[in-house]
Amino acid sequence: MFAQTPKPPYWAVIFTNQRSDVDADYARVADQMVELAACQPGFLGVESVRGADGFGITVSYWASEEAIAAWKAEGRHRLAQAEGYARWYTALFTRVARVERDHAWTHG
């Protein structure tokens, strides 16, 4: 599902990762983090995919850098991050970008 973002500018946090073989509670916590993020001031939406090889990309959209910083500092999110480092990921990158332009198209 596509995130319904406003007219730019806005911000994107691009989280790319490689999952480990440990699966305990991952899906539950990931779903909780999406629900928690959606309650945060400045949250605009999220898009996420994961391949059969465990490689995943999640892009969350935010109204401001301050909103991103508040999400990064949120206590339950920090606990989930620690679990990710300890158990769920073998590698990850987080990139933050300002979206200056966007373009949408649908067939039909």
Protein backbone atom coordinates (compact mmCIF):
# COMPACT_ATOMS: atom_id res chain seq x y z
CA MET A 1 0.00 0.00 0.00
CA PHE A 2 1.29 3.46 -0.86
CA ALA A 3 1.64 6.04 1.91
CA GLN A 4 -0.61 9.04 1.38
CA THR A 5 1.93 11.83 1.75
CA PRO A 6 1.21 15.55 1.48
CA LYS A 7 2.63 17.90 -1.11
CA PRO A 8 6.42 18.22 -0.59
CA PRO A 9 8.54 19.13 1.19
CA TYR A 10 8.51 16.40 3.82
CA TRP A 11 11.06 13.91 5.14
CA ALA A 12 11.76 10.22 4.52
CA VAL A 13 13.59 7.78 6.78
CA ILE A 14 14.85 4.86 4.69
CA PHE A 15 15.63 1.78 6.75
CA THR A 16 17.29 -1.04 4.81
CA ASN A 17 18.17 -4.22 6.62
CA GLN A 18 19.09 -7.86 6.40
CA ARG A 19 17.18 -10.15 8.75
CA SER A 20 18.91 -12.81 10.83
CA ASP A 21 17.53 -16.33 11.22
CA VAL A 22 16.04 -15.39 14.61
CA ASP A 23 12.30 -14.91 14.23
CA ALA A 24 11.09 -14.79 17.84
CA ASP A 25 8.53 -11.96 18.21
CA TYR A 26 9.84 -10.05 15.17
CA ALA A 27 6.53 -9.72 13.30
CA ARG A 28 4.62 -8.77 16.46
CA VAL A 29 7.12 -6.08 17.43
CA ALA A 30 7.36 -4.77 13.86
CA ASP A 31 3.57 -4.38 13.75
CA GLN A 32 3.62 -2.65 17.14
CA MET A 33 6.26 -0.20 15.91
CA VAL A 34 4.16 0.75 12.89
CA GLU A 35 1.15 1.31 15.17
CA LEU A 36 3.26 3.34 17.60
CA ALA A 37 4.85 5.43 14.84
CA ALA A 38 1.39 6.22 13.45
CA CYS A 39 0.51 7.83 16.80
CA GLN A 40 3.57 10.11 16.79
CA PRO A 41 3.17 13.80 15.94
CA GLY A 42 4.47 14.46 12.43
CA PHE A 43 4.09 10.88 11.16
CA LEU A 44 2.84 10.86 7.55
CA GLY A 45 2.92 7.20 6.52
CA VAL A 46 5.03 4.10 5.91
CA GLU A 47 5.82 1.66 3.10
CA SER A 48 7.62 -1.62 3.72
CA VAL A 49 8.70 -4.70 1.77
CA ARG A 50 10.79 -7.78 2.54
CA GLY A 51 12.25 -10.30 0.09
CA ALA A 52 12.40 -14.05 0.52
CA ASP A 53 16.14 -13.67 1.22
CA GLY A 54 15.39 -11.54 4.31
CA PHE A 55 16.42 -8.20 2.78
CA GLY A 56 13.94 -5.46 3.70
CA ILE A 57 13.27 -1.80 3.07
CA THR A 58 10.97 0.34 5.17
CA VAL A 59 10.42 3.99 4.32
CA SER A 60 8.64 6.13 6.87
CA TYR A 61 7.54 9.67 6.04
CA TRP A 62 7.62 12.58 8.47
CA ALA A 63 6.63 16.23 8.54
CA SER A 64 9.91 17.47 10.03
CA GLU A 65 13.36 16.57 11.30
CA GLU A 66 12.08 17.23 14.83
CA ALA A 67 9.38 14.58 14.38
CA ILE A 68 12.04 12.10 13.21
CA ALA A 69 14.23 12.89 16.23
CA ALA A 70 11.28 12.40 18.59
CA TRP A 71 10.51 9.02 17.00
CA LYS A 72 14.14 7.95 17.27
CA ALA A 73 14.11 8.85 20.99
CA GLU A 74 10.74 7.22 21.81
CA GLY A 75 11.31 4.66 24.59
CA ARG A 76 9.50 1.63 23.14
CA HIS A 77 11.11 2.29 19.76
CA ARG A 78 14.55 2.37 21.41
CA LEU A 79 13.85 -1.00 23.07
CA ALA A 80 12.84 -2.48 19.71
CA GLN A 81 16.01 -1.05 18.13
CA ALA A 82 18.10 -2.76 20.80
CA GLU A 83 16.36 -6.08 20.08
CA GLY A 84 17.04 -5.55 16.39
CA TYR A 85 20.75 -5.09 16.95
CA ALA A 86 20.90 -8.03 19.36
CA ARG A 87 18.73 -10.57 17.52
CA TRP A 88 16.82 -9.67 14.38
CA TYR A 89 19.31 -8.06 11.97
CA THR A 90 22.72 -8.96 10.60
CA ALA A 91 23.15 -5.57 8.90
CA LEU A 92 21.22 -2.34 8.53
CA PHE A 93 21.41 1.19 7.17
CA THR A 94 19.26 4.17 8.11
CA ARG A 95 19.18 7.14 5.77
CA VAL A 96 17.27 10.39 6.20
CA ALA A 97 16.30 12.51 3.21
CA ARG A 98 14.22 15.59 2.53
CA VAL A 99 11.66 14.95 -0.21
CA GLU A 100 11.58 17.97 -2.49
CA ARG A 101 9.50 16.50 -5.31
CA ASP A 102 7.27 13.52 -5.86
CA HIS A 103 5.28 12.11 -8.74
CA ALA A 104 2.43 9.63 -8.71
CA TRP A 105 0.90 7.57 -11.48
CA THR A 106 -1.65 4.81 -11.61
CA HIS A 107 -2.84 2.73 -14.52
CA GLY A 108 -6.54 3.16 -15.27
